[in-house]
Protein backbone atom coordinates (compact mmCIF):
# COMPACT_ATOMS: atom_id res chain seq x y z
CA MET A 1 203.52 36.16 13.66
CA GLY A 2 201.86 36.40 16.89
CA THR A 3 199.83 33.45 18.36
CA ASP A 4 196.37 32.69 17.90
CA ASN A 5 195.76 33.82 21.70
CA GLU A 6 197.64 37.15 21.19
CA GLN A 7 195.45 37.60 17.65
CA GLN A 8 192.21 37.06 19.28
CA ASP A 9 193.07 39.35 22.30
CA ALA A 10 193.83 41.95 19.69
CA LEU A 11 190.65 41.49 17.85
CA LEU A 12 188.53 41.42 21.03
CA GLN A 13 190.50 44.65 22.18
CA ARG A 14 189.38 46.04 18.61
CA GLU A 15 185.90 45.25 19.20
CA ILE A 16 185.55 46.70 22.83
CA GLU A 17 187.24 49.94 21.17
CA ILE A 18 184.35 50.12 18.53
CA VAL A 19 181.48 49.48 21.00
CA GLU A 20 182.99 51.77 23.13
CA GLY A 21 182.90 54.40 20.68
CA ILE A 22 179.21 53.64 19.60
CA LEU A 23 178.19 54.07 23.08
CA GLU A 24 179.89 57.34 23.28
CA SER A 25 178.39 58.68 20.10
CA LYS A 26 174.82 57.63 21.29
CA ALA A 27 175.38 59.41 24.91
CA GLN A 28 176.04 62.41 22.47
CA TYR A 29 173.20 61.83 20.49
CA ARG A 30 170.76 61.59 23.61
CA LYS A 31 171.87 64.67 24.74
CA ILE A 32 171.17 66.67 21.58
CA VAL A 33 167.43 64.74 21.44
CA LYS A 34 167.07 66.05 24.82
CA ALA A 35 168.22 69.60 24.45
CA GLY A 36 165.91 69.50 21.28
CA ILE A 37 162.90 68.07 23.39
CA ALA A 38 163.44 70.91 25.96
CA GLN A 39 163.46 73.62 23.51
CA TRP A 40 160.33 72.14 21.87
CA VAL A 41 158.45 72.27 25.43
CA LYS A 42 159.89 76.07 25.73
CA ASP A 43 158.48 76.96 22.59
CA LEU A 44 155.27 75.65 23.00
CA GLN A 45 155.00 77.39 26.29
CA ALA A 46 156.03 80.43 24.87
CA GLY A 47 153.26 79.93 22.17
CA ASN A 48 155.59 79.45 19.37
CA ILE A 49 154.73 76.10 18.50
CA LYS A 50 150.93 75.22 17.57
CA MET A 51 149.75 71.83 18.48
CA GLN A 52 149.85 70.90 14.76
CA THR A 53 153.61 70.51 14.87
CA VAL A 54 153.41 67.74 17.55
CA GLN A 55 155.04 65.48 15.17
CA ASP A 56 158.54 67.18 15.64
CA LEU A 57 158.29 66.22 19.53
CA ASP A 58 156.97 62.82 18.67
CA ARG A 59 159.81 61.82 16.45
CA LEU A 60 162.36 63.25 18.93
CA ILE A 61 160.63 61.21 21.51
CA GLU A 62 160.81 58.47 19.58
CA LEU A 63 164.41 58.54 18.93
CA ASP A 64 165.19 58.90 22.56
CA ILE A 65 163.62 56.06 23.50
CA LYS A 66 165.12 53.85 20.51
CA LEU A 67 168.57 55.08 21.76
CA GLN A 68 167.45 54.20 25.60
CA LYS A 69 166.48 50.98 24.27
CA ASP A 70 169.99 50.22 22.69
CA GLU A 71 171.54 50.60 25.99
CA LEU A 72 169.92 47.68 27.59
C-alpha cells in the first residue's frame, strides 16, 4: 500500500483531472451558446424571427452569463 502522501497525491491528481474536464466541457458549451446567439441575431436581421420569440435569446444569454460566472 502507498503512503498517505502518495494517496493524497493520487486523489489530488484525480480531482485536478475532473476539474479540467469540467472546464473543457464548459468551454465547449460556451462555443455552442455563442453560435446559437449569433444565429439568432442573423435570423432576426433576416426577418425570420419576430420579437415575440426574444425568450430564446434571453435564455441563451442567461446560459452564457452563467457559464462565464462559473469560470471566475
